[in-house]
Amino acid sequence: MDKTREPNRDGPINQGFKKTVAFLRFSQGRSTRTSFLILDAQSVKNTDTAENSGYDGGKKIKGIKRTLAVDNQGLPQGIHVTTGDVSDRDAASSLLMLHADQFDLVQRIMVDGGYTGDKFASLVGNSIGADVIIAKQSDLKHGHVTPQRWVIERSFGWLEKCRRLWKNCERKLHTSTMMITLAFLRFMLKRH
């Protein structure tokens, strides 16, 4: 087995991950596929072993960017990792195109103010046919998160509990993606 090649998107770990998410949704009395997504990105510093990195000027972090799409329970529906210099909108667009086959039932996507603009909204509409909802922060005090957006912030918090994910220790981006997938799989199995 070649250790440097990118993993198969339909490999056993990803299939087990998708089946676990579907089972948990079904056990909660929901459809196995969601119609509502919450999407956000998190920039993470690299260690010196990481091969791929970029500088996120907005957050002043040299490292990678993790983009997540979760349902309203915080269960991950899509994971994508890019270098830190990729904009949040471009990383989200890549995630949506990469997982377009499993997002065909999605009707609405909630994002924060970093995803504003007609270009992103039309790209989402054209790729998966969903409407974009921008979460408003005007009613809250500075530093607080709207209740709906708290779900994705909690999901990022789950990742921070993993020792291997508090920084990016992986050489390749696809290895980082796989470690995030395994961490979420562990949390889902432990939680239910």
N, C-alpha and C. Protein backbone atom coordinates (compact mmCIF):
# COMPACT_ATOMS: atom_id res chain seq x y z
N MET A 1 0.84 -1.18 0.00
CA MET A 1 0.00 0.00 0.00
C MET A 1 0.88 1.24 0.00
N ASP A 2 0.55 2.17 -0.86
CA ASP A 2 1.29 3.41 -0.97
C ASP A 2 0.82 4.39 0.10
N LYS A 3 1.70 4.74 1.03
CA LYS A 3 1.31 5.60 2.15
C LYS A 3 1.19 7.07 1.76
N THR A 4 1.72 7.47 0.62
CA THR A 4 1.70 8.88 0.25
C THR A 4 0.53 9.25 -0.65
N ARG A 5 -0.21 8.28 -1.13
CA ARG A 5 -1.32 8.62 -2.03
C ARG A 5 -2.52 9.14 -1.24
N GLU A 6 -3.35 9.90 -1.92
CA GLU A 6 -4.54 10.44 -1.26
C GLU A 6 -5.54 9.31 -1.02
N PRO A 7 -6.24 9.35 0.10
CA PRO A 7 -7.19 8.28 0.41
C PRO A 7 -8.41 8.34 -0.50
N ASN A 8 -9.02 7.21 -0.67
CA ASN A 8 -10.22 7.11 -1.48
C ASN A 8 -11.38 7.74 -0.71
N ARG A 9 -12.12 8.63 -1.38
CA ARG A 9 -13.26 9.29 -0.73
C ARG A 9 -14.33 8.28 -0.33
N ASP A 10 -14.36 7.15 -1.00
CA ASP A 10 -15.32 6.11 -0.68
C ASP A 10 -14.66 4.93 0.02
N GLY A 11 -13.54 5.18 0.68
CA GLY A 11 -12.83 4.14 1.41
C GLY A 11 -13.57 3.71 2.66
N PRO A 12 -13.07 2.71 3.35
CA PRO A 12 -13.79 2.15 4.50
C PRO A 12 -13.98 3.14 5.65
N ILE A 13 -13.01 4.00 5.91
CA ILE A 13 -13.17 4.96 7.02
C ILE A 13 -14.26 5.97 6.68
N ASN A 14 -14.22 6.50 5.46
CA ASN A 14 -15.24 7.47 5.06
C ASN A 14 -16.62 6.84 4.98
N GLN A 15 -16.70 5.59 4.53
CA GLN A 15 -18.00 4.91 4.49
C GLN A 15 -18.53 4.68 5.91
N GLY A 16 -17.65 4.26 6.81
CA GLY A 16 -18.07 4.08 8.20
C GLY A 16 -18.50 5.40 8.83
N PHE A 17 -17.80 6.47 8.50
CA PHE A 17 -18.14 7.80 9.00
C PHE A 17 -19.53 8.22 8.52
N LYS A 18 -19.79 8.07 7.22
CA LYS A 18 -21.09 8.46 6.66
C LYS A 18 -22.22 7.61 7.25
N LYS A 19 -21.97 6.32 7.41
CA LYS A 19 -23.00 5.44 7.97
C LYS A 19 -23.28 5.76 9.43
N THR A 20 -22.25 6.14 10.18
CA THR A 20 -22.44 6.51 11.58
C THR A 20 -23.27 7.78 11.70
N VAL A 21 -22.97 8.78 10.87
CA VAL A 21 -23.75 10.02 10.87
C VAL A 21 -25.20 9.73 10.51
N ALA A 22 -25.41 8.92 9.47
CA ALA A 22 -26.78 8.57 9.05
C ALA A 22 -27.52 7.82 10.16
N PHE A 23 -26.83 6.88 10.82
CA PHE A 23 -27.46 6.12 11.90
C PHE A 23 -27.86 7.03 13.06
N LEU A 24 -26.96 7.94 13.45
CA LEU A 24 -27.26 8.85 14.56
C LEU A 24 -28.43 9.77 14.23
N ARG A 25 -28.48 10.25 13.00
CA ARG A 25 -29.61 11.10 12.60
C ARG A 25 -30.90 10.29 12.62
N PHE A 26 -30.86 9.07 12.11
CA PHE A 26 -32.05 8.22 12.07
C PHE A 26 -32.51 7.86 13.49
N SER A 27 -31.55 7.60 14.38
CA SER A 27 -31.91 7.25 15.77
C SER A 27 -32.53 8.43 16.52
N GLN A 28 -32.31 9.65 16.03
CA GLN A 28 -32.93 10.84 16.62
C GLN A 28 -34.28 11.16 15.97
N GLY A 29 -34.73 10.27 15.08
CA GLY A 29 -36.02 10.48 14.42
C GLY A 29 -35.94 11.45 13.25
N ARG A 30 -34.76 11.63 12.70
CA ARG A 30 -34.56 12.55 11.58
C ARG A 30 -34.28 11.77 10.30
N SER A 31 -34.36 12.48 9.19
CA SER A 31 -33.95 11.91 7.92
C SER A 31 -32.45 11.63 7.99
N THR A 32 -31.99 10.64 7.26
CA THR A 32 -30.56 10.31 7.31
C THR A 32 -29.71 11.39 6.65
N ARG A 33 -30.31 12.23 5.82
CA ARG A 33 -29.58 13.33 5.19
C ARG A 33 -30.24 14.65 5.56
N THR A 34 -29.44 15.65 5.79
CA THR A 34 -29.93 16.92 6.31
C THR A 34 -30.42 17.86 5.20
N SER A 35 -31.28 18.79 5.58
CA SER A 35 -31.73 19.83 4.66
C SER A 35 -31.21 21.20 5.09
N PHE A 36 -30.46 21.25 6.19
CA PHE A 36 -29.94 22.50 6.73
C PHE A 36 -28.49 22.30 7.17
N LEU A 37 -27.60 23.16 6.71
CA LEU A 37 -26.19 23.09 7.08
C LEU A 37 -25.75 24.37 7.76
N ILE A 38 -24.80 24.24 8.66
CA ILE A 38 -24.10 25.38 9.23
C ILE A 38 -22.64 25.21 8.82
N LEU A 39 -22.07 26.25 8.23
CA LEU A 39 -20.75 26.14 7.62
C LEU A 39 -19.82 27.19 8.21
N ASP A 40 -18.58 26.79 8.51
CA ASP A 40 -17.59 27.74 9.02
C ASP A 40 -16.19 27.16 8.81
N ALA A 41 -15.20 28.03 8.98
CA ALA A 41 -13.80 27.63 8.83
C ALA A 41 -13.03 28.00 10.09
N GLN A 42 -11.98 27.24 10.35
CA GLN A 42 -11.11 27.47 11.50
C GLN A 42 -9.67 27.40 11.03
N SER A 43 -8.89 28.42 11.35
CA SER A 43 -7.47 28.40 11.02
C SER A 43 -6.70 27.81 12.19
N VAL A 44 -5.74 26.94 11.88
CA VAL A 44 -4.99 26.22 12.90
C VAL A 44 -3.50 26.35 12.59
N LYS A 45 -2.70 26.62 13.61
CA LYS A 45 -1.26 26.73 13.42
C LYS A 45 -0.65 25.38 13.06
N ASN A 46 0.44 25.43 12.30
CA ASN A 46 1.19 24.24 11.95
C ASN A 46 2.31 24.00 12.95
N THR A 47 2.73 22.75 13.07
CA THR A 47 3.98 22.45 13.75
C THR A 47 5.07 22.46 12.68
N ASP A 48 6.30 22.26 13.07
CA ASP A 48 7.39 22.32 12.09
C ASP A 48 7.41 21.12 11.15
N THR A 49 6.66 20.07 11.44
CA THR A 49 6.65 18.89 10.58
C THR A 49 5.69 19.02 9.40
N ALA A 50 4.78 19.98 9.44
CA ALA A 50 3.77 20.11 8.39
C ALA A 50 4.41 20.57 7.09
N GLU A 51 4.00 19.93 6.01
CA GLU A 51 4.54 20.24 4.70
C GLU A 51 3.78 21.37 4.02
N ASN A 52 2.47 21.42 4.22
CA ASN A 52 1.62 22.40 3.55
C ASN A 52 1.16 23.45 4.55
N SER A 53 1.36 24.71 4.19
CA SER A 53 0.87 25.78 5.05
C SER A 53 0.67 27.04 4.22
N GLY A 54 -0.05 27.96 4.79
CA GLY A 54 -0.27 29.25 4.17
C GLY A 54 -0.60 30.24 5.27
N TYR A 55 -0.50 31.51 4.97
CA TYR A 55 -0.73 32.53 5.99
C TYR A 55 -2.13 33.09 5.85
N ASP A 56 -2.93 32.95 6.90
CA ASP A 56 -4.26 33.53 6.95
C ASP A 56 -4.12 34.94 7.52
N GLY A 57 -4.18 35.94 6.64
CA GLY A 57 -3.97 37.33 7.04
C GLY A 57 -5.03 37.85 7.98
N GLY A 58 -6.26 37.37 7.86
CA GLY A 58 -7.34 37.83 8.72
C GLY A 58 -7.16 37.40 10.16
N LYS A 59 -6.68 36.18 10.35
CA LYS A 59 -6.51 35.66 11.72
C LYS A 59 -5.06 35.65 12.16
N LYS A 60 -4.17 36.06 11.25
CA LYS A 60 -2.73 36.16 11.54
C LYS A 60 -2.16 34.82 12.02
N ILE A 61 -2.50 33.77 11.27
CA ILE A 61 -2.04 32.42 11.61
C ILE A 61 -1.41 31.79 10.37
N LYS A 62 -0.22 31.21 10.55
CA LYS A 62 0.41 30.45 9.48
C LYS A 62 0.10 28.99 9.73
N GLY A 63 -0.63 28.38 8.82
CA GLY A 63 -1.01 26.98 9.01
C GLY A 63 -2.01 26.52 7.99
N ILE A 64 -3.03 25.80 8.46
CA ILE A 64 -4.06 25.25 7.59
C ILE A 64 -5.42 25.82 7.97
N LYS A 65 -6.39 25.58 7.11
CA LYS A 65 -7.76 26.00 7.37
C LYS A 65 -8.66 24.77 7.30
N ARG A 66 -9.40 24.52 8.39
CA ARG A 66 -10.37 23.42 8.43
C ARG A 66 -11.74 24.02 8.14
N THR A 67 -12.41 23.51 7.14
CA THR A 67 -13.77 23.96 6.83
C THR A 67 -14.72 22.82 7.14
N LEU A 68 -15.74 23.13 7.94
CA LEU A 68 -16.72 22.12 8.35
C LEU A 68 -18.12 22.54 7.93
N ALA A 69 -18.91 21.55 7.58
CA ALA A 69 -20.35 21.72 7.40
C ALA A 69 -21.01 20.74 8.36
N VAL A 70 -21.84 21.26 9.27
CA VAL A 70 -22.51 20.41 10.25
C VAL A 70 -24.02 20.62 10.16
N ASP A 71 -24.77 19.63 10.66
CA ASP A 71 -26.23 19.80 10.73
C ASP A 71 -26.57 20.53 12.03
N ASN A 72 -27.85 20.68 12.33
CA ASN A 72 -28.23 21.47 13.50
C ASN A 72 -27.99 20.74 14.83
N GLN A 73 -27.52 19.49 14.78
CA GLN A 73 -27.12 18.77 15.99
C GLN A 73 -25.61 18.78 16.19
N GLY A 74 -24.88 19.34 15.23
CA GLY A 74 -23.42 19.37 15.30
C GLY A 74 -22.76 18.17 14.66
N LEU A 75 -23.54 17.30 14.03
CA LEU A 75 -22.96 16.13 13.36
C LEU A 75 -22.33 16.59 12.05
N PRO A 76 -21.07 16.23 11.80
CA PRO A 76 -20.39 16.70 10.60
C PRO A 76 -20.98 16.09 9.33
N GLN A 77 -21.21 16.93 8.35
CA GLN A 77 -21.72 16.49 7.06
C GLN A 77 -20.67 16.62 5.97
N GLY A 78 -19.69 17.47 6.18
CA GLY A 78 -18.62 17.65 5.22
C GLY A 78 -17.39 18.22 5.90
N ILE A 79 -16.21 17.73 5.50
CA ILE A 79 -14.93 18.17 6.05
C ILE A 79 -14.00 18.46 4.88
N HIS A 80 -13.32 19.61 4.94
CA HIS A 80 -12.35 19.95 3.90
C HIS A 80 -11.21 20.72 4.53
N VAL A 81 -9.98 20.38 4.17
CA VAL A 81 -8.80 21.04 4.72
C VAL A 81 -8.01 21.66 3.57
N THR A 82 -7.64 22.94 3.73
CA THR A 82 -6.84 23.65 2.74
C THR A 82 -5.69 24.35 3.47
N THR A 83 -4.80 24.94 2.70
CA THR A 83 -3.76 25.76 3.31
C THR A 83 -4.40 27.03 3.86
N GLY A 84 -3.75 27.69 4.78
CA GLY A 84 -4.32 28.84 5.46
C GLY A 84 -4.55 30.05 4.58
N ASP A 85 -3.85 30.15 3.44
CA ASP A 85 -4.00 31.32 2.58
C ASP A 85 -5.23 31.28 1.68
N VAL A 86 -5.96 30.19 1.68
CA VAL A 86 -7.20 30.08 0.91
C VAL A 86 -8.31 30.82 1.67
N SER A 87 -9.08 31.64 0.96
CA SER A 87 -10.14 32.40 1.64
C SER A 87 -11.23 31.46 2.15
N ASP A 88 -11.97 31.93 3.15
CA ASP A 88 -13.06 31.13 3.71
C ASP A 88 -14.08 30.78 2.63
N ARG A 89 -14.40 31.74 1.76
CA ARG A 89 -15.39 31.50 0.70
C ARG A 89 -14.91 30.45 -0.29
N ASP A 90 -13.63 30.53 -0.68
CA ASP A 90 -13.09 29.54 -1.63
C ASP A 90 -13.03 28.15 -1.01
N ALA A 91 -12.64 28.06 0.26
CA ALA A 91 -12.60 26.77 0.94
C ALA A 91 -14.00 26.18 1.07
N ALA A 92 -14.99 27.04 1.39
CA ALA A 92 -16.37 26.57 1.49
C ALA A 92 -16.90 26.12 0.14
N SER A 93 -16.55 26.85 -0.92
CA SER A 93 -16.97 26.46 -2.26
C SER A 93 -16.40 25.10 -2.64
N SER A 94 -15.12 24.88 -2.30
CA SER A 94 -14.50 23.58 -2.57
C SER A 94 -15.19 22.46 -1.80
N LEU A 95 -15.51 22.72 -0.53
CA LEU A 95 -16.21 21.72 0.28
C LEU A 95 -17.56 21.37 -0.33
N LEU A 96 -18.31 22.39 -0.74
CA LEU A 96 -19.64 22.14 -1.31
C LEU A 96 -19.56 21.36 -2.62
N MET A 97 -18.58 21.67 -3.45
CA MET A 97 -18.43 20.94 -4.72
C MET A 97 -17.95 19.51 -4.47
N LEU A 98 -17.07 19.35 -3.50
CA LEU A 98 -16.54 18.03 -3.18
C LEU A 98 -17.62 17.09 -2.66
N HIS A 99 -18.57 17.64 -1.89
CA HIS A 99 -19.63 16.84 -1.27
C HIS A 99 -21.00 17.11 -1.90
N ALA A 100 -21.04 17.62 -3.11
CA ALA A 100 -22.32 18.00 -3.74
C ALA A 100 -23.29 16.83 -3.83
N ASP A 101 -22.79 15.61 -4.03
CA ASP A 101 -23.68 14.46 -4.17
C ASP A 101 -24.44 14.16 -2.88
N GLN A 102 -23.87 14.46 -1.72
CA GLN A 102 -24.59 14.21 -0.47
C GLN A 102 -25.33 15.43 0.05
N PHE A 103 -25.19 16.58 -0.63
CA PHE A 103 -25.89 17.80 -0.22
C PHE A 103 -27.07 18.12 -1.13
N ASP A 104 -27.55 17.16 -1.90
CA ASP A 104 -28.64 17.46 -2.85
C ASP A 104 -29.97 17.76 -2.17
N LEU A 105 -30.14 17.39 -0.90
CA LEU A 105 -31.37 17.70 -0.17
C LEU A 105 -31.28 19.00 0.63
N VAL A 106 -30.09 19.59 0.69
CA VAL A 106 -29.88 20.81 1.49
C VAL A 106 -30.63 21.97 0.85
N GLN A 107 -31.43 22.66 1.67
CA GLN A 107 -32.20 23.81 1.19
C GLN A 107 -31.62 25.13 1.68
N ARG A 108 -31.00 25.13 2.87
CA ARG A 108 -30.45 26.36 3.44
C ARG A 108 -29.10 26.09 4.09
N ILE A 109 -28.21 27.08 3.96
CA ILE A 109 -26.89 27.01 4.59
C ILE A 109 -26.70 28.28 5.41
N MET A 110 -26.38 28.13 6.69
CA MET A 110 -26.12 29.29 7.55
C MET A 110 -24.61 29.50 7.65
N VAL A 111 -24.19 30.74 7.42
CA VAL A 111 -22.78 31.11 7.50
C VAL A 111 -22.66 32.40 8.29
N ASP A 112 -21.44 32.79 8.63
CA ASP A 112 -21.25 34.06 9.32
C ASP A 112 -20.97 35.17 8.31
N GLY A 113 -20.66 36.35 8.81
CA GLY A 113 -20.48 37.51 7.94
C GLY A 113 -19.31 37.41 6.99
N GLY A 114 -18.39 36.50 7.19
CA GLY A 114 -17.25 36.33 6.29
C GLY A 114 -17.61 35.75 4.94
N TYR A 115 -18.82 35.29 4.79
CA TYR A 115 -19.25 34.65 3.54
C TYR A 115 -20.24 35.52 2.76
N THR A 116 -20.32 36.80 3.08
CA THR A 116 -21.27 37.67 2.39
C THR A 116 -20.85 37.86 0.94
N GLY A 117 -21.82 38.22 0.13
CA GLY A 117 -21.55 38.50 -1.27
C GLY A 117 -22.41 37.67 -2.19
N ASP A 118 -22.78 38.30 -3.30
CA ASP A 118 -23.62 37.62 -4.28
C ASP A 118 -22.89 36.49 -4.98
N LYS A 119 -21.58 36.62 -5.15
CA LYS A 119 -20.82 35.58 -5.85
C LYS A 119 -20.90 34.25 -5.10
N PHE A 120 -20.70 34.29 -3.77
CA PHE A 120 -20.77 33.06 -2.98
C PHE A 120 -22.19 32.51 -2.97
N ALA A 121 -23.18 33.39 -2.79
CA ALA A 121 -24.57 32.94 -2.75
C ALA A 121 -24.98 32.30 -4.08
N SER A 122 -24.56 32.88 -5.20
CA SER A 122 -24.92 32.29 -6.49
C SER A 122 -24.17 30.99 -6.73
N LEU A 123 -22.92 30.89 -6.25
CA LEU A 123 -22.19 29.64 -6.40
C LEU A 123 -22.86 28.52 -5.61
N VAL A 124 -23.32 28.83 -4.40
CA VAL A 124 -24.04 27.83 -3.59
C VAL A 124 -25.33 27.44 -4.29
N GLY A 125 -26.06 28.43 -4.80
CA GLY A 125 -27.31 28.15 -5.50
C GLY A 125 -27.10 27.30 -6.74
N ASN A 126 -26.03 27.57 -7.49
CA ASN A 126 -25.76 26.82 -8.71
C ASN A 126 -25.22 25.42 -8.43
N SER A 127 -24.40 25.27 -7.38
CA SER A 127 -23.78 23.97 -7.14
C SER A 127 -24.71 22.99 -6.43
N ILE A 128 -25.45 23.44 -5.40
CA ILE A 128 -26.33 22.51 -4.69
C ILE A 128 -27.76 23.00 -4.58
N GLY A 129 -28.06 24.18 -5.10
CA GLY A 129 -29.43 24.68 -5.10
C GLY A 129 -29.95 25.12 -3.74
N ALA A 130 -29.07 25.60 -2.88
CA ALA A 130 -29.47 26.01 -1.53
C ALA A 130 -29.42 27.53 -1.39
N ASP A 131 -30.18 28.03 -0.42
CA ASP A 131 -30.15 29.45 -0.07
C ASP A 131 -29.14 29.68 1.03
N VAL A 132 -28.47 30.83 0.99
CA VAL A 132 -27.48 31.19 2.00
C VAL A 132 -28.12 32.13 3.01
N ILE A 133 -27.97 31.81 4.30
CA ILE A 133 -28.46 32.65 5.39
C ILE A 133 -27.24 33.18 6.13
N ILE A 134 -27.14 34.50 6.23
CA ILE A 134 -26.05 35.12 6.98
C ILE A 134 -26.51 35.33 8.41
N ALA A 135 -25.80 34.76 9.38
CA ALA A 135 -26.15 34.92 10.79
C ALA A 135 -25.83 36.34 11.22
N LYS A 136 -26.80 37.02 11.77
CA LYS A 136 -26.64 38.41 12.19
C LYS A 136 -26.10 38.47 13.61
N GLN A 137 -25.14 39.34 13.83
CA GLN A 137 -24.56 39.52 15.16
C GLN A 137 -24.95 40.86 15.77
N SER A 138 -25.80 41.63 15.10
CA SER A 138 -26.10 42.98 15.55
C SER A 138 -26.82 43.03 16.89
N ASP A 139 -27.57 41.99 17.23
CA ASP A 139 -28.34 42.00 18.48
C ASP A 139 -27.54 41.51 19.69
N LEU A 140 -26.34 41.01 19.45
CA LEU A 140 -25.56 40.43 20.55
C LEU A 140 -24.41 41.33 20.96
N LYS A 141 -23.93 41.12 22.17
CA LYS A 141 -22.75 41.83 22.64
C LYS A 141 -21.53 41.34 21.88
N HIS A 142 -20.52 42.16 21.83
CA HIS A 142 -19.28 41.81 21.14
C HIS A 142 -18.68 40.53 21.76
N GLY A 143 -18.28 39.60 20.90
CA GLY A 143 -17.66 38.37 21.37
C GLY A 143 -18.62 37.22 21.59
N HIS A 144 -19.92 37.47 21.46
CA HIS A 144 -20.90 36.40 21.64
C HIS A 144 -21.29 35.82 20.29
N VAL A 145 -21.70 34.57 20.30
CA VAL A 145 -22.09 33.86 19.08
C VAL A 145 -23.59 33.64 19.10
N THR A 146 -24.24 33.79 17.93
CA THR A 146 -25.68 33.54 17.87
C THR A 146 -25.95 32.08 18.22
N PRO A 147 -27.11 31.78 18.79
CA PRO A 147 -27.39 30.41 19.24
C PRO A 147 -27.27 29.36 18.13
N GLN A 148 -27.70 29.69 16.92
CA GLN A 148 -27.61 28.71 15.84
C GLN A 148 -26.16 28.45 15.46
N ARG A 149 -25.32 29.49 15.49
CA ARG A 149 -23.92 29.33 15.11
C ARG A 149 -23.12 28.64 16.21
N TRP A 150 -23.64 28.60 17.42
CA TRP A 150 -22.95 27.95 18.52
C TRP A 150 -22.72 26.47 18.22
N VAL A 151 -23.59 25.89 17.42
CA VAL A 151 -23.49 24.46 17.09
C VAL A 151 -22.16 24.16 16.41
N ILE A 152 -21.78 24.96 15.43
CA ILE A 152 -20.52 24.68 14.72
C ILE A 152 -19.31 25.05 15.58
N GLU A 153 -19.44 26.08 16.40
CA GLU A 153 -18.34 26.42 17.31
C GLU A 153 -18.11 25.28 18.30
N ARG A 154 -19.17 24.63 18.74
CA ARG A 154 -19.05 23.47 19.63
C ARG A 154 -18.36 22.32 18.91
N SER A 155 -18.67 22.13 17.62
CA SER A 155 -18.02 21.06 16.85
C SER A 155 -16.52 21.31 16.73
N PHE A 156 -16.13 22.57 16.50
CA PHE A 156 -14.70 22.89 16.49
C PHE A 156 -14.10 22.65 17.87
N GLY A 157 -14.85 22.92 18.92
CA GLY A 157 -14.38 22.66 20.28
C GLY A 157 -14.12 21.19 20.53
N TRP A 158 -14.96 20.34 19.95
CA TRP A 158 -14.74 18.89 20.08
C TRP A 158 -13.38 18.51 19.49
N LEU A 159 -13.03 19.13 18.36
CA LEU A 159 -11.74 18.82 17.73
C LEU A 159 -10.58 19.27 18.61
N GLU A 160 -10.75 20.40 19.29
CA GLU A 160 -9.67 20.92 20.14
C GLU A 160 -9.37 19.99 21.31
N LYS A 161 -10.29 19.10 21.66
CA LYS A 161 -10.06 18.17 22.75
C LYS A 161 -9.11 17.04 22.36
N CYS A 162 -8.88 16.88 21.07
CA CYS A 162 -7.97 15.84 20.60
C CYS A 162 -6.54 16.38 20.61
N ARG A 163 -5.68 15.72 21.30
CA ARG A 163 -4.29 16.18 21.43
C ARG A 163 -3.63 16.37 20.08
N ARG A 164 -3.93 15.48 19.16
CA ARG A 164 -3.27 15.54 17.86
C ARG A 164 -3.82 16.65 16.96
N LEU A 165 -4.95 17.23 17.33
CA LEU A 165 -5.57 18.24 16.47
C LEU A 165 -5.51 19.65 17.02
N TRP A 166 -4.91 19.88 18.18
CA TRP A 166 -4.86 21.24 18.72
C TRP A 166 -3.99 22.12 17.84
N LYS A 167 -3.01 21.52 17.16
CA LYS A 167 -2.25 22.14 16.08
C LYS A 167 -2.22 21.14 14.94
N ASN A 168 -1.82 21.59 13.77
CA ASN A 168 -1.69 20.66 12.65
C ASN A 168 -0.31 20.01 12.70
N CYS A 169 -0.28 18.73 13.02
CA CYS A 169 0.97 17.99 13.12
C CYS A 169 1.23 17.14 11.88
N GLU A 170 0.31 17.14 10.94
CA GLU A 170 0.40 16.23 9.79
C GLU A 170 1.17 16.88 8.64
N ARG A 171 1.88 16.05 7.88
CA ARG A 171 2.61 16.56 6.72
C ARG A 171 1.67 16.93 5.58
N LYS A 172 0.71 16.07 5.29
CA LYS A 172 -0.17 16.24 4.13
C LYS A 172 -1.55 16.71 4.56
N LEU A 173 -2.22 17.44 3.67
CA LEU A 173 -3.56 17.93 3.96
C LEU A 173 -4.56 16.78 4.07
N HIS A 174 -4.41 15.76 3.22
CA HIS A 174 -5.37 14.65 3.28
C HIS A 174 -5.21 13.84 4.57
N THR A 175 -4.01 13.84 5.15
CA THR A 175 -3.83 13.18 6.44
C THR A 175 -4.54 13.97 7.54
N SER A 176 -4.48 15.29 7.45
CA SER A 176 -5.22 16.13 8.41
C SER A 176 -6.71 15.87 8.30
N THR A 177 -7.21 15.77 7.07
CA THR A 177 -8.63 15.49 6.86
C THR A 177 -9.00 14.15 7.49
N MET A 178 -8.16 13.15 7.31
CA MET A 178 -8.45 11.82 7.85
C MET A 178 -8.42 11.84 9.38
N MET A 179 -7.50 12.59 9.98
CA MET A 179 -7.44 12.68 11.45
C MET A 179 -8.69 13.37 12.00
N ILE A 180 -9.18 14.38 11.30
CA ILE A 180 -10.42 15.05 11.71
C ILE A 180 -11.59 14.09 11.60
N THR A 181 -11.63 13.33 10.51
CA THR A 181 -12.69 12.34 10.32
C THR A 181 -12.67 11.30 11.44
N LEU A 182 -11.49 10.79 11.77
CA LEU A 182 -11.38 9.80 12.84
C LEU A 182 -11.77 10.39 14.20
N ALA A 183 -11.40 11.65 14.44
CA ALA A 183 -11.76 12.29 15.71
C ALA A 183 -13.28 12.42 15.83
N PHE A 184 -13.93 12.86 14.76
CA PHE A 184 -15.39 12.97 14.80
C PHE A 184 -16.05 11.61 14.94
N LEU A 185 -15.50 10.61 14.27
CA LEU A 185 -16.04 9.25 14.39
C LEU A 185 -15.95 8.78 15.83
N ARG A 186 -14.82 9.04 16.48
CA ARG A 186 -14.66 8.67 17.89
C ARG A 186 -15.67 9.39 18.78
N PHE A 187 -15.84 10.69 18.56
CA PHE A 187 -16.80 11.45 19.37
C PHE A 187 -18.22 10.96 19.17
N MET A 188 -18.57 10.65 17.92
CA MET A 188 -19.94 10.19 17.65
C MET A 188 -20.20 8.84 18.30
N LEU A 189 -19.24 7.93 18.21
CA LEU A 189 -19.42 6.61 18.81
C LEU A 189 -19.44 6.68 20.34
N LYS A 190 -18.64 7.57 20.90
CA LYS A 190 -18.59 7.73 22.35
C LYS A 190 -19.86 8.42 22.87
N ARG A 191 -20.38 9.34 22.10
CA ARG A 191 -21.53 10.14 22.53
C ARG A 191 -22.83 9.34 22.51
N HIS A 192 -22.93 8.37 21.64
CA HIS A 192 -24.21 7.65 21.50
C HIS A 192 -24.01 6.19 21.74
